[in-house]
Amino acid sequence: MTNAANWYGSIATNGEHTDYEMMIALEEVVNHTMFFKTRTTTETVDGEKVKRRETIKVSLSDKTGVPVDEVAVRRWKMILHERREQLLERKRIEAEEKAAKKAQREKSKTAAFIDTKTIAMF
């Protein structure tokens, strides 16, 4: 990752927007990182030692140690945030359509069931 950031970062490519800045922005937009580290702490609770493990997020820029163009990251964040909102909206619409289709199927099953019983009575 460090080599890729060095070779394809905005500093190496004369300030052009690059995948390195996009990945850093993506981590921030989705609030998730590719790398984690754990820290173990020992506490004394009621006279007993208790080990506690804590997971800490490590950003791509922290992991690689390669300088990043913050302006490019902000631009990518705006683009990616807008794209994320579009995808979430599409997902919401598809879920509503799926629920409507399911309700329609249930309604048609109920209607068919009622009609069958009504016909059987005569």
PDB file of N, CA and C in Angstrom:
ATOM      1  N   MET A   1       0.815  -1.187   0.000  1.00  0.00           N
ATOM      2  CA  MET A   1       0.000   0.000   0.000  1.00  0.00           C
ATOM      3  C   MET A   1       0.866   1.261   0.000  1.00  0.00           C
ATOM      4  N   THR A   2       1.953   1.203   0.732  1.00  0.00           N
ATOM      5  CA  THR A   2       2.839   2.366   0.783  1.00  0.00           C
ATOM      6  C   THR A   2       3.435   2.640  -0.595  1.00  0.00           C
ATOM      7  N   ASN A   3       3.884   1.590  -1.273  1.00  0.00           N
ATOM      8  CA  ASN A   3       4.441   1.772  -2.616  1.00  0.00           C
ATOM      9  C   ASN A   3       3.387   2.324  -3.581  1.00  0.00           C
ATOM     10  N   ALA A   4       2.176   1.794  -3.510  1.00  0.00           N
ATOM     11  CA  ALA A   4       1.110   2.282  -4.389  1.00  0.00           C
ATOM     12  C   ALA A   4       0.807   3.745  -4.099  1.00  0.00           C
ATOM     13  N   ALA A   5       0.764   4.104  -2.825  1.00  0.00           N
ATOM     14  CA  ALA A   5       0.501   5.495  -2.461  1.00  0.00           C
ATOM     15  C   ALA A   5       1.616   6.411  -2.946  1.00  0.00           C
ATOM     16  N   ASN A   6       2.848   5.939  -2.850  1.00  0.00           N
ATOM     17  CA  ASN A   6       3.978   6.742  -3.340  1.00  0.00           C
ATOM     18  C   ASN A   6       3.953   6.880  -4.852  1.00  0.00           C
ATOM     19  N   TRP A   7       3.640   5.804  -5.556  1.00  0.00           N
ATOM     20  CA  TRP A   7       3.680   5.824  -7.016  1.00  0.00           C
ATOM     21  C   TRP A   7       2.472   6.529  -7.619  1.00  0.00           C
ATOM     22  N   TYR A   8       1.309   6.384  -6.980  1.00  0.00           N
ATOM     23  CA  TYR A   8       0.076   6.884  -7.576  1.00  0.00           C
ATOM     24  C   TYR A   8      -0.577   8.000  -6.772  1.00  0.00           C
ATOM     25  N   GLY A   9       0.065   8.522  -5.768  1.00  0.00           N
ATOM     26  CA  GLY A   9      -0.470   9.628  -4.996  1.00  0.00           C
ATOM     27  C   GLY A   9      -0.409  10.919  -5.785  1.00  0.00           C
ATOM     28  N   SER A  10      -1.113  11.935  -5.325  1.00  0.00           N
ATOM     29  CA  SER A  10      -1.182  13.189  -6.070  1.00  0.00           C
ATOM     30  C   SER A  10       0.171  13.882  -6.151  1.00  0.00           C
ATOM     31  N   ILE A  11       1.018  13.681  -5.160  1.00  0.00           N
ATOM     32  CA  ILE A  11       2.347  14.291  -5.200  1.00  0.00           C
ATOM     33  C   ILE A  11       3.177  13.677  -6.322  1.00  0.00           C
ATOM     34  N   ALA A  12       3.056  12.364  -6.505  1.00  0.00           N
ATOM     35  CA  ALA A  12       3.813  11.680  -7.550  1.00  0.00           C
ATOM     36  C   ALA A  12       3.260  11.942  -8.940  1.00  0.00           C
ATOM     37  N   THR A  13       1.981  12.285  -9.025  1.00  0.00           N
ATOM     38  CA  THR A  13       1.352  12.478 -10.341  1.00  0.00           C
ATOM     39  C   THR A  13       1.080  13.952 -10.621  1.00  0.00           C
ATOM     40  N   ASN A  14       1.920  14.821 -10.101  1.00  0.00           N
ATOM     41  CA  ASN A  14       1.826  16.269 -10.361  1.00  0.00           C
ATOM     42  C   ASN A  14       0.486  16.875  -9.961  1.00  0.00           C
ATOM     43  N   GLY A  15      -0.039  16.452  -8.829  1.00  0.00           N
ATOM     44  CA  GLY A  15      -1.240  17.076  -8.292  1.00  0.00           C
ATOM     45  C   GLY A  15      -2.551  16.617  -8.874  1.00  0.00           C
ATOM     46  N   GLU A  16      -2.561  15.598  -9.733  1.00  0.00           N
ATOM     47  CA  GLU A  16      -3.819  15.104 -10.283  1.00  0.00           C
ATOM     48  C   GLU A  16      -4.580  14.328  -9.208  1.00  0.00           C
ATOM     49  N   HIS A  17      -5.898  14.270  -9.365  1.00  0.00           N
ATOM     50  CA  HIS A  17      -6.697  13.482  -8.433  1.00  0.00           C
ATOM     51  C   HIS A  17      -6.394  12.010  -8.673  1.00  0.00           C
ATOM     52  N   THR A  18      -6.158  11.283  -7.599  1.00  0.00           N
ATOM     53  CA  THR A  18      -5.740   9.896  -7.763  1.00  0.00           C
ATOM     54  C   THR A  18      -6.584   8.949  -6.927  1.00  0.00           C
ATOM     55  N   ASP A  19      -6.338   7.684  -7.160  1.00  0.00           N
ATOM     56  CA  ASP A  19      -7.043   6.650  -6.419  1.00  0.00           C
ATOM     57  C   ASP A  19      -6.678   6.679  -4.938  1.00  0.00           C
ATOM     58  N   TYR A  20      -5.471   7.068  -4.605  1.00  0.00           N
ATOM     59  CA  TYR A  20      -5.045   7.132  -3.210  1.00  0.00           C
ATOM     60  C   TYR A  20      -5.920   8.116  -2.429  1.00  0.00           C
ATOM     61  N   GLU A  21      -6.125   9.298  -2.954  1.00  0.00           N
ATOM     62  CA  GLU A  21      -6.990  10.273  -2.293  1.00  0.00           C
ATOM     63  C   GLU A  21      -8.434   9.787  -2.253  1.00  0.00           C
ATOM     64  N   MET A  22      -8.855   9.117  -3.337  1.00  0.00           N
ATOM     65  CA  MET A  22     -10.213   8.596  -3.369  1.00  0.00           C
ATOM     66  C   MET A  22     -10.413   7.538  -2.286  1.00  0.00           C
ATOM     67  N   MET A  23      -9.454   6.667  -2.082  1.00  0.00           N
ATOM     68  CA  MET A  23      -9.579   5.637  -1.054  1.00  0.00           C
ATOM     69  C   MET A  23      -9.616   6.251   0.342  1.00  0.00           C
ATOM     70  N   ILE A  24      -8.823   7.272   0.571  1.00  0.00           N
ATOM     71  CA  ILE A  24      -8.837   7.943   1.874  1.00  0.00           C
ATOM     72  C   ILE A  24     -10.191   8.613   2.097  1.00  0.00           C
ATOM     73  N   ALA A  25     -10.710   9.262   1.071  1.00  0.00           N
ATOM     74  CA  ALA A  25     -12.020   9.905   1.176  1.00  0.00           C
ATOM     75  C   ALA A  25     -13.119   8.862   1.389  1.00  0.00           C
ATOM     76  N   LEU A  26     -13.016   7.742   0.710  1.00  0.00           N
ATOM     77  CA  LEU A  26     -14.006   6.670   0.842  1.00  0.00           C
ATOM     78  C   LEU A  26     -14.038   6.131   2.270  1.00  0.00           C
ATOM     79  N   GLU A  27     -12.870   5.975   2.877  1.00  0.00           N
ATOM     80  CA  GLU A  27     -12.827   5.543   4.273  1.00  0.00           C
ATOM     81  C   GLU A  27     -13.606   6.506   5.163  1.00  0.00           C
ATOM     82  N   GLU A  28     -13.471   7.774   4.919  1.00  0.00           N
ATOM     83  CA  GLU A  28     -14.149   8.773   5.741  1.00  0.00           C
ATOM     84  C   GLU A  28     -15.651   8.813   5.461  1.00  0.00           C
ATOM     85  N   VAL A  29     -16.046   8.654   4.208  1.00  0.00           N
ATOM     86  CA  VAL A  29     -17.463   8.724   3.845  1.00  0.00           C
ATOM     87  C   VAL A  29     -18.238   7.539   4.431  1.00  0.00           C
ATOM     88  N   VAL A  30     -17.675   6.342   4.339  1.00  0.00           N
ATOM     89  CA  VAL A  30     -18.380   5.158   4.846  1.00  0.00           C
ATOM     90  C   VAL A  30     -18.058   4.871   6.308  1.00  0.00           C
ATOM     91  N   ASN A  31     -17.155   5.663   6.895  1.00  0.00           N
ATOM     92  CA  ASN A  31     -16.766   5.521   8.298  1.00  0.00           C
ATOM     93  C   ASN A  31     -16.253   4.114   8.605  1.00  0.00           C
ATOM     94  N   HIS A  32     -15.380   3.632   7.735  1.00  0.00           N
ATOM     95  CA  HIS A  32     -14.777   2.315   7.909  1.00  0.00           C
ATOM     96  C   HIS A  32     -13.360   2.365   7.342  1.00  0.00           C
ATOM     97  N   THR A  33     -12.451   1.651   7.964  1.00  0.00           N
ATOM     98  CA  THR A  33     -11.079   1.624   7.472  1.00  0.00           C
ATOM     99  C   THR A  33     -10.685   0.212   7.060  1.00  0.00           C
ATOM    100  N   MET A  34      -9.641   0.115   6.260  1.00  0.00           N
ATOM    101  CA  MET A  34      -9.149  -1.189   5.833  1.00  0.00           C
ATOM    102  C   MET A  34      -8.286  -1.847   6.893  1.00  0.00           C
ATOM    103  N   PHE A  35      -7.733  -1.056   7.797  1.00  0.00           N
ATOM    104  CA  PHE A  35      -6.785  -1.581   8.765  1.00  0.00           C
ATOM    105  C   PHE A  35      -7.247  -1.292  10.192  1.00  0.00           C
ATOM    106  N   PHE A  36      -6.952  -2.243  11.067  1.00  0.00           N
ATOM    107  CA  PHE A  36      -7.259  -2.108  12.483  1.00  0.00           C
ATOM    108  C   PHE A  36      -6.054  -2.574  13.283  1.00  0.00           C
ATOM    109  N   LYS A  37      -5.970  -2.103  14.491  1.00  0.00           N
ATOM    110  CA  LYS A  37      -5.006  -2.653  15.421  1.00  0.00           C
ATOM    111  C   LYS A  37      -5.720  -2.841  16.741  1.00  0.00           C
ATOM    112  N   THR A  38      -5.213  -3.755  17.546  1.00  0.00           N
ATOM    113  CA  THR A  38      -5.834  -4.003  18.845  1.00  0.00           C
ATOM    114  C   THR A  38      -4.887  -3.596  19.948  1.00  0.00           C
ATOM    115  N   ARG A  39      -5.486  -3.142  21.018  1.00  0.00           N
ATOM    116  CA  ARG A  39      -4.714  -2.766  22.183  1.00  0.00           C
ATOM    117  C   ARG A  39      -5.322  -3.516  23.360  1.00  0.00           C
ATOM    118  N   THR A  40      -4.460  -4.162  24.134  1.00  0.00           N
ATOM    119  CA  THR A  40      -4.912  -4.894  25.305  1.00  0.00           C
ATOM    120  C   THR A  40      -4.547  -4.108  26.545  1.00  0.00           C
ATOM    121  N   THR A  41      -5.528  -3.885  27.390  1.00  0.00           N
ATOM    122  CA  THR A  41      -5.291  -3.193  28.646  1.00  0.00           C
ATOM    123  C   THR A  41      -5.700  -4.117  29.786  1.00  0.00           C
ATOM    124  N   THR A  42      -5.064  -3.938  30.918  1.00  0.00           N
ATOM    125  CA  THR A  42      -5.385  -4.727  32.097  1.00  0.00           C
ATOM    126  C   THR A  42      -5.934  -3.795  33.166  1.00  0.00           C
ATOM    127  N   GLU A  43      -7.092  -4.138  33.687  1.00  0.00           N
ATOM    128  CA  GLU A  43      -7.718  -3.347  34.729  1.00  0.00           C
ATOM    129  C   GLU A  43      -7.985  -4.230  35.936  1.00  0.00           C
ATOM    130  N   THR A  44      -8.053  -3.626  37.079  1.00  0.00           N
ATOM    131  CA  THR A  44      -8.394  -4.360  38.287  1.00  0.00           C
ATOM    132  C   THR A  44      -9.831  -4.043  38.649  1.00  0.00           C
ATOM    133  N   VAL A  45     -10.676  -5.088  38.644  1.00  0.00           N
ATOM    134  CA  VAL A  45     -12.087  -4.943  38.967  1.00  0.00           C
ATOM    135  C   VAL A  45     -12.397  -5.890  40.122  1.00  0.00           C
ATOM    136  N   ASP A  46     -12.826  -5.336  41.231  1.00  0.00           N
ATOM    137  CA  ASP A  46     -13.142  -6.113  42.430  1.00  0.00           C
ATOM    138  C   ASP A  46     -11.979  -7.012  42.842  1.00  0.00           C
ATOM    139  N   GLY A  47     -10.779  -6.486  42.758  1.00  0.00           N
ATOM    140  CA  GLY A  47      -9.591  -7.220  43.174  1.00  0.00           C
ATOM    141  C   GLY A  47      -9.080  -8.227  42.161  1.00  0.00           C
ATOM    142  N   GLU A  48      -9.729  -8.366  41.015  1.00  0.00           N
ATOM    143  CA  GLU A  48      -9.286  -9.301  39.981  1.00  0.00           C
ATOM    144  C   GLU A  48      -8.811  -8.522  38.764  1.00  0.00           C
ATOM    145  N   LYS A  49      -7.756  -9.041  38.154  1.00  0.00           N
ATOM    146  CA  LYS A  49      -7.253  -8.410  36.935  1.00  0.00           C
ATOM    147  C   LYS A  49      -8.094  -8.875  35.746  1.00  0.00           C
ATOM    148  N   VAL A  50      -8.544  -7.907  34.974  1.00  0.00           N
ATOM    149  CA  VAL A  50      -9.362  -8.196  33.802  1.00  0.00           C
ATOM    150  C   VAL A  50      -8.673  -7.602  32.582  1.00  0.00           C
ATOM    151  N   LYS A  51      -8.462  -8.456  31.578  1.00  0.00           N
ATOM    152  CA  LYS A  51      -7.873  -7.973  30.322  1.00  0.00           C
ATOM    153  C   LYS A  51      -8.985  -7.524  29.402  1.00  0.00           C
ATOM    154  N   ARG A  52      -8.771  -6.388  28.797  1.00  0.00           N
ATOM    155  CA  ARG A  52      -9.751  -5.823  27.884  1.00  0.00           C
ATOM    156  C   ARG A  52      -9.071  -5.528  26.562  1.00  0.00           C
ATOM    157  N   ARG A  53      -9.673  -6.008  25.456  1.00  0.00           N
ATOM    158  CA  ARG A  53      -9.126  -5.759  24.123  1.00  0.00           C
ATOM    159  C   ARG A  53      -9.947  -4.668  23.457  1.00  0.00           C
ATOM    160  N   GLU A  54      -9.249  -3.727  22.884  1.00  0.00           N
ATOM    161  CA  GLU A  54      -9.888  -2.602  22.221  1.00  0.00           C
ATOM    162  C   GLU A  54      -9.415  -2.569  20.771  1.00  0.00           C
ATOM    163  N   THR A  55     -10.359  -2.444  19.859  1.00  0.00           N
ATOM    164  CA  THR A  55     -10.030  -2.359  18.436  1.00  0.00           C
ATOM    165  C   THR A  55      -9.964  -0.892  18.048  1.00  0.00           C
ATOM    166  N   ILE A  56      -8.880  -0.512  17.384  1.00  0.00           N
ATOM    167  CA  ILE A  56      -8.659   0.866  16.983  1.00  0.00           C
ATOM    168  C   ILE A  56      -8.555   0.909  15.463  1.00  0.00           C
ATOM    169  N   LYS A  57      -9.320   1.825  14.856  1.00  0.00           N
ATOM    170  CA  LYS A  57      -9.263   1.995  13.401  1.00  0.00           C
ATOM    171  C   LYS A  57      -7.960   2.707  13.028  1.00  0.00           C
ATOM    172  N   VAL A  58      -7.344   2.243  11.941  1.00  0.00           N
ATOM    173  CA  VAL A  58      -6.138   2.887  11.420  1.00  0.00           C
ATOM    174  C   VAL A  58      -6.428   3.284   9.977  1.00  0.00           C
ATOM    175  N   SER A  59      -6.378   4.573   9.701  1.00  0.00           N
ATOM    176  CA  SER A  59      -6.686   5.037   8.347  1.00  0.00           C
ATOM    177  C   SER A  59      -5.560   4.664   7.387  1.00  0.00           C
ATOM    178  N   LEU A  60      -5.896   4.674   6.128  1.00  0.00           N
ATOM    179  CA  LEU A  60      -4.918   4.345   5.089  1.00  0.00           C
ATOM    180  C   LEU A  60      -3.738   5.305   5.123  1.00  0.00           C
ATOM    181  N   SER A  61      -4.007   6.577   5.326  1.00  0.00           N
ATOM    182  CA  SER A  61      -2.911   7.549   5.353  1.00  0.00           C
ATOM    183  C   SER A  61      -2.013   7.326   6.562  1.00  0.00           C
ATOM    184  N   ASP A  62      -2.584   6.922   7.704  1.00  0.00           N
ATOM    185  CA  ASP A  62      -1.761   6.609   8.871  1.00  0.00           C
ATOM    186  C   ASP A  62      -0.939   5.345   8.642  1.00  0.00           C
ATOM    187  N   LYS A  63      -1.528   4.370   7.994  1.00  0.00           N
ATOM    188  CA  LYS A  63      -0.851   3.094   7.746  1.00  0.00           C
ATOM    189  C   LYS A  63       0.317   3.273   6.780  1.00  0.00           C
ATOM    190  N   THR A  64       0.102   4.034   5.720  1.00  0.00           N
ATOM    191  CA  THR A  64       1.162   4.180   4.714  1.00  0.00           C
ATOM    192  C   THR A  64       2.177   5.246   5.100  1.00  0.00           C
ATOM    193  N   GLY A  65       1.716   6.265   5.806  1.00  0.00           N
ATOM    194  CA  GLY A  65       2.613   7.366   6.162  1.00  0.00           C
ATOM    195  C   GLY A  65       2.951   8.273   4.993  1.00  0.00           C
ATOM    196  N   VAL A  66       2.212   8.146   3.908  1.00  0.00           N
ATOM    197  CA  VAL A  66       2.460   8.953   2.708  1.00  0.00           C
ATOM    198  C   VAL A  66       1.620  10.224   2.803  1.00  0.00           C
ATOM    199  N   PRO A  67       2.224  11.396   2.536  1.00  0.00           N
ATOM    200  CA  PRO A  67       1.444  12.638   2.582  1.00  0.00           C
ATOM    201  C   PRO A  67       0.307  12.621   1.570  1.00  0.00           C
ATOM    202  N   VAL A  68      -0.773  13.290   1.926  1.00  0.00           N
ATOM    203  CA  VAL A  68      -1.956  13.282   1.081  1.00  0.00           C
ATOM    204  C   VAL A  68      -2.380  14.727   0.801  1.00  0.00           C
ATOM    205  N   ASP A  69      -2.941  14.946  -0.354  1.00  0.00           N
ATOM    206  CA  ASP A  69      -3.460  16.252  -0.730  1.00  0.00           C
ATOM    207  C   ASP A  69      -4.860  16.391  -0.138  1.00  0.00           C
ATOM    208  N   GLU A  70      -4.990  17.177   0.917  1.00  0.00           N
ATOM    209  CA  GLU A  70      -6.265  17.307   1.632  1.00  0.00           C
ATOM    210  C   GLU A  70      -7.357  17.932   0.766  1.00  0.00           C
ATOM    211  N   VAL A  71      -6.982  18.811  -0.143  1.00  0.00           N
ATOM    212  CA  VAL A  71      -7.976  19.422  -1.030  1.00  0.00           C
ATOM    213  C   VAL A  71      -8.581  18.355  -1.942  1.00  0.00           C
ATOM    214  N   ALA A  72      -7.739  17.485  -2.473  1.00  0.00           N
ATOM    215  CA  ALA A  72      -8.235  16.400  -3.325  1.00  0.00           C
ATOM    216  C   ALA A  72      -9.120  15.452  -2.530  1.00  0.00           C
ATOM    217  N   VAL A  73      -8.755  15.196  -1.292  1.00  0.00           N
ATOM    218  CA  VAL A  73      -9.580  14.325  -0.442  1.00  0.00           C
ATOM    219  C   VAL A  73     -10.943  14.964  -0.213  1.00  0.00           C
ATOM    220  N   ARG A  74     -10.987  16.262   0.060  1.00  0.00           N
ATOM    221  CA  ARG A  74     -12.272  16.947   0.256  1.00  0.00           C
ATOM    222  C   ARG A  74     -13.123  16.893  -1.000  1.00  0.00           C
ATOM    223  N   ARG A  75     -12.507  17.056  -2.166  1.00  0.00           N
ATOM    224  CA  ARG A  75     -13.264  16.966  -3.426  1.00  0.00           C
ATOM    225  C   ARG A  75     -13.852  15.570  -3.605  1.00  0.00           C
ATOM    226  N   TRP A  76     -13.018  14.552  -3.353  1.00  0.00           N
ATOM    227  CA  TRP A  76     -13.488  13.176  -3.469  1.00  0.00           C
ATOM    228  C   TRP A  76     -14.604  12.898  -2.466  1.00  0.00           C
ATOM    229  N   LYS A  77     -14.495  13.445  -1.263  1.00  0.00           N
ATOM    230  CA  LYS A  77     -15.528  13.226  -0.251  1.00  0.00           C
ATOM    231  C   LYS A  77     -16.871  13.766  -0.721  1.00  0.00           C
ATOM    232  N   MET A  78     -16.869  14.938  -1.340  1.00  0.00           N
ATOM    233  CA  MET A  78     -18.122  15.503  -1.847  1.00  0.00           C
ATOM    234  C   MET A  78     -18.721  14.596  -2.919  1.00  0.00           C
ATOM    235  N   ILE A  79     -17.881  14.137  -3.848  1.00  0.00           N
ATOM    236  CA  ILE A  79     -18.349  13.262  -4.930  1.00  0.00           C
ATOM    237  C   ILE A  79     -18.884  11.951  -4.362  1.00  0.00           C
ATOM    238  N   LEU A  80     -18.114  11.337  -3.457  1.00  0.00           N
ATOM    239  CA  LEU A  80     -18.495  10.040  -2.906  1.00  0.00           C
ATOM    240  C   LEU A  80     -19.708  10.142  -1.988  1.00  0.00           C
ATOM    241  N   HIS A  81     -19.818  11.227  -1.258  1.00  0.00           N
ATOM    242  CA  HIS A  81     -20.982  11.406  -0.388  1.00  0.00           C
ATOM    243  C   HIS A  81     -22.257  11.515  -1.233  1.00  0.00           C
ATOM    244  N   GLU A  82     -22.185  12.277  -2.318  1.00  0.00           N
ATOM    245  CA  GLU A  82     -23.333  12.400  -3.212  1.00  0.00           C
ATOM    246  C   GLU A  82     -23.699  11.049  -3.819  1.00  0.00           C
ATOM    247  N   ARG A  83     -22.683  10.298  -4.240  1.00  0.00           N
ATOM    248  CA  ARG A  83     -22.922   8.972  -4.828  1.00  0.00           C
ATOM    249  C   ARG A  83     -23.546   8.029  -3.801  1.00  0.00           C
ATOM    250  N   ARG A  84     -23.061   8.097  -2.573  1.00  0.00           N
ATOM    251  CA  ARG A  84     -23.605   7.255  -1.500  1.00  0.00           C
ATOM    252  C   ARG A  84     -25.072   7.575  -1.263  1.00  0.00           C
ATOM    253  N   GLU A  85     -25.411   8.850  -1.246  1.00  0.00           N
ATOM    254  CA  GLU A  85     -26.806   9.250  -1.048  1.00  0.00           C
ATOM    255  C   GLU A  85     -27.686   8.747  -2.190  1.00  0.00           C
ATOM    256  N   GLN A  86     -27.181   8.812  -3.426  1.00  0.00           N
ATOM    257  CA  GLN A  86     -27.937   8.305  -4.568  1.00  0.00           C
ATOM    258  C   GLN A  86     -28.186   6.804  -4.432  1.00  0.00           C
ATOM    259  N   LEU A  87     -27.149   6.066  -4.035  1.00  0.00           N
ATOM    260  CA  LEU A  87     -27.289   4.618  -3.887  1.00  0.00           C
ATOM    261  C   LEU A  87     -28.243   4.259  -2.754  1.00  0.00           C
ATOM    262  N   LEU A  88     -28.180   4.979  -1.650  1.00  0.00           N
ATOM    263  CA  LEU A  88     -29.097   4.719  -0.544  1.00  0.00           C
ATOM    264  C   LEU A  88     -30.538   5.022  -0.941  1.00  0.00           C
ATOM    265  N   GLU A  89     -30.738   6.082  -1.713  1.00  0.00           N
ATOM    266  CA  GLU A  89     -32.079   6.421  -2.187  1.00  0.00           C
ATOM    267  C   GLU A  89     -32.603   5.335  -3.129  1.00  0.00           C
ATOM    268  N   ARG A  90     -31.748   4.860  -4.038  1.00  0.00           N
ATOM    269  CA  ARG A  90     -32.146   3.787  -4.948  1.00  0.00           C
ATOM    270  C   ARG A  90     -32.496   2.523  -4.163  1.00  0.00           C
ATOM    271  N   LYS A  91     -31.706   2.222  -3.153  1.00  0.00           N
ATOM    272  CA  LYS A  91     -31.965   1.046  -2.322  1.00  0.00           C
ATOM    273  C   LYS A  91     -33.306   1.177  -1.607  1.00  0.00           C
ATOM    274  N   ARG A  92     -33.617   2.379  -1.095  1.00  0.00           N
ATOM    275  CA  ARG A  92     -34.885   2.613  -0.416  1.00  0.00           C
ATOM    276  C   ARG A  92     -36.061   2.427  -1.373  1.00  0.00           C
ATOM    277  N   ILE A  93     -35.929   2.976  -2.588  1.00  0.00           N
ATOM    278  CA  ILE A  93     -36.992   2.853  -3.585  1.00  0.00           C
ATOM    279  C   ILE A  93     -37.212   1.395  -3.966  1.00  0.00           C
ATOM    280  N   GLU A  94     -36.126   0.649  -4.184  1.00  0.00           N
ATOM    281  CA  GLU A  94     -36.248  -0.767  -4.531  1.00  0.00           C
ATOM    282  C   GLU A  94     -36.903  -1.558  -3.407  1.00  0.00           C
ATOM    283  N   ALA A  95     -36.588  -1.228  -2.158  1.00  0.00           N
ATOM    284  CA  ALA A  95     -37.206  -1.915  -1.025  1.00  0.00           C
ATOM    285  C   ALA A  95     -38.703  -1.618  -0.972  1.00  0.00           C
ATOM    286  N   GLU A  96     -39.086  -0.372  -1.253  1.00  0.00           N
ATOM    287  CA  GLU A  96     -40.504  -0.018  -1.282  1.00  0.00           C
ATOM    288  C   GLU A  96     -41.230  -0.753  -2.403  1.00  0.00           C
ATOM    289  N   GLU A  97     -40.599  -0.839  -3.585  1.00  0.00           N
ATOM    290  CA  GLU A  97     -41.207  -1.554  -4.704  1.00  0.00           C
ATOM    291  C   GLU A  97     -41.363  -3.032  -4.382  1.00  0.00           C
ATOM    292  N   LYS A  98     -40.357  -3.605  -3.749  1.00  0.00           N
ATOM    293  CA  LYS A  98     -40.405  -5.020  -3.376  1.00  0.00           C
ATOM    294  C   LYS A  98     -41.529  -5.261  -2.365  1.00  0.00           C
ATOM    295  N   ALA A  99     -41.672  -4.370  -1.388  1.00  0.00           N
ATOM    296  CA  ALA A  99     -42.736  -4.505  -0.398  1.00  0.00           C
ATOM    297  C   ALA A  99     -44.101  -4.369  -1.052  1.00  0.00           C
ATOM    298  N   ALA A 100     -44.222  -3.462  -2.019  1.00  0.00           N
ATOM    299  CA  ALA A 100     -45.495  -3.287  -2.721  1.00  0.00           C
ATOM    300  C   ALA A 100     -45.847  -4.533  -3.532  1.00  0.00           C
ATOM    301  N   LYS A 101     -44.866  -5.114  -4.206  1.00  0.00           N
ATOM    302  CA  LYS A 101     -45.106  -6.343  -4.973  1.00  0.00           C
ATOM    303  C   LYS A 101     -45.512  -7.491  -4.057  1.00  0.00           C
ATOM    304  N   LYS A 102     -44.853  -7.573  -2.912  1.00  0.00           N
ATOM    305  CA  LYS A 102     -45.179  -8.634  -1.959  1.00  0.00           C
ATOM    306  C   LYS A 102     -46.605  -8.454  -1.439  1.00  0.00           C
ATOM    307  N   ALA A 103     -46.971  -7.215  -1.131  1.00  0.00           N
ATOM    308  CA  ALA A 103     -48.332  -6.940  -0.669  1.00  0.00           C
ATOM    309  C   ALA A 103     -49.344  -7.283  -1.748  1.00  0.00           C
ATOM    310  N   GLN A 104     -49.026  -6.976  -2.997  1.00  0.00           N
ATOM    311  CA  GLN A 104     -49.924  -7.291  -4.116  1.00  0.00           C
ATOM    312  C   GLN A 104     -50.082  -8.804  -4.266  1.00  0.00           C
ATOM    313  N   ARG A 105     -48.966  -9.558  -4.136  1.00  0.00           N
ATOM    314  CA  ARG A 105     -49.041 -11.022  -4.223  1.00  0.00           C
ATOM    315  C   ARG A 105     -49.909 -11.582  -3.097  1.00  0.00           C
ATOM    316  N   GLU A 106     -49.720 -11.073  -1.884  1.00  0.00           N
ATOM    317  CA  GLU A 106     -50.522 -11.531  -0.756  1.00  0.00           C
ATOM    318  C   GLU A 106     -51.995 -11.207  -0.966  1.00  0.00           C
ATOM    319  N   LYS A 107     -52.251 -10.039  -1.512  1.00  0.00           N
ATOM    320  CA  LYS A 107     -53.626  -9.630  -1.773  1.00  0.00           C
ATOM    321  C   LYS A 107     -54.262 -10.538  -2.815  1.00  0.00           C
ATOM    322  N   SER A 108     -53.513 -10.862  -3.878  1.00  0.00           N
ATOM    323  CA  SER A 108     -54.066 -11.721  -4.924  1.00  0.00           C
ATOM    324  C   SER A 108     -54.269 -13.146  -4.409  1.00  0.00           C
ATOM    325  N   LYS A 109     -53.399 -13.635  -3.526  1.00  0.00           N
ATOM    326  CA  LYS A 109     -53.577 -14.960  -2.933  1.00  0.00           C
ATOM    327  C   LYS A 109     -54.838 -14.983  -2.080  1.00  0.00           C
ATOM    328  N   THR A 110     -55.042 -13.941  -1.305  1.00  0.00           N
ATOM    329  CA  THR A 110     -56.220 -13.850  -0.452  1.00  0.00           C
ATOM    330  C   THR A 110     -57.484 -13.779  -1.295  1.00  0.00           C
ATOM    331  N   ALA A 111     -57.432 -12.996  -2.368  1.00  0.00           N
ATOM    332  CA  ALA A 111     -58.594 -12.870  -3.250  1.00  0.00           C
ATOM    333  C   ALA A 111     -58.911 -14.209  -3.903  1.00  0.00           C
ATOM    334  N   ALA A 112     -57.892 -14.935  -4.342  1.00  0.00           N
ATOM    335  CA  ALA A 112     -58.108 -16.236  -4.967  1.00  0.00           C
ATOM    336  C   ALA A 112     -58.674 -17.220  -3.947  1.00  0.00           C
ATOM    337  N   PHE A 113     -58.192 -17.154  -2.726  1.00  0.00           N
ATOM    338  CA  PHE A 113     -58.674 -18.043  -1.684  1.00  0.00           C
ATOM    339  C   PHE A 113     -60.149 -17.771  -1.376  1.00  0.00           C
ATOM    340  N   ILE A 114     -60.534 -16.520  -1.288  1.00  0.00           N
ATOM    341  CA  ILE A 114     -61.917 -16.153  -1.002  1.00  0.00           C
ATOM    342  C   ILE A 114     -62.823 -16.582  -2.150  1.00  0.00           C
ATOM    343  N   ASP A 115     -62.398 -16.348  -3.377  1.00  0.00           N
ATOM    344  CA  ASP A 115     -63.198 -16.734  -4.530  1.00  0.00           C
ATOM    345  C   ASP A 115     -63.410 -18.237  -4.560  1.00  0.00           C
ATOM    346  N   THR A 116     -62.403 -19.008  -4.241  1.00  0.00           N
ATOM    347  CA  THR A 116     -62.527 -20.470  -4.247  1.00  0.00           C
ATOM    348  C   THR A 116     -63.532 -20.912  -3.218  1.00  0.00           C
ATOM    349  N   LYS A 117     -63.508 -20.340  -2.045  1.00  0.00           N
ATOM    350  CA  LYS A 117     -64.454 -20.716  -1.010  1.00  0.00           C
ATOM    351  C   LYS A 117     -65.867 -20.297  -1.398  1.00  0.00           C
ATOM    352  N   THR A 118     -65.994 -19.136  -2.001  1.00  0.00           N
ATOM    353  CA  THR A 118     -67.311 -18.654  -2.404  1.00  0.00           C
ATOM    354  C   THR A 118     -67.896 -19.586  -3.474  1.00  0.00           C
ATOM    355  N   ILE A 119     -67.121 -19.983  -4.413  1.00  0.00           N
ATOM    356  CA  ILE A 119     -67.597 -20.876  -5.479  1.00  0.00           C
ATOM    357  C   ILE A 119     -67.958 -22.226  -4.897  1.00  0.00           C
ATOM    358  N   ALA A 120     -67.201 -22.729  -3.940  1.00  0.00           N
ATOM    359  CA  ALA A 120     -67.465 -24.018  -3.355  1.00  0.00           C
ATOM    360  C   ALA A 120     -68.785 -24.022  -2.575  1.00  0.00           C
ATOM    361  N   MET A 121     -69.206 -22.880  -2.077  1.00  0.00           N
ATOM    362  CA  MET A 121     -70.462 -22.813  -1.314  1.00  0.00           C
ATOM    363  C   MET A 121     -71.665 -23.044  -2.210  1.00  0.00           C
ATOM    364  N   PHE A 122     -71.576 -22.734  -3.491  1.00  0.00           N
ATOM    365  CA  PHE A 122     -72.722 -22.873  -4.378  1.00  0.00           C
ATOM    366  C   PHE A 122     -72.653 -24.226  -4.996  1.00  0.00           C
TER     367      PHE A 122
END
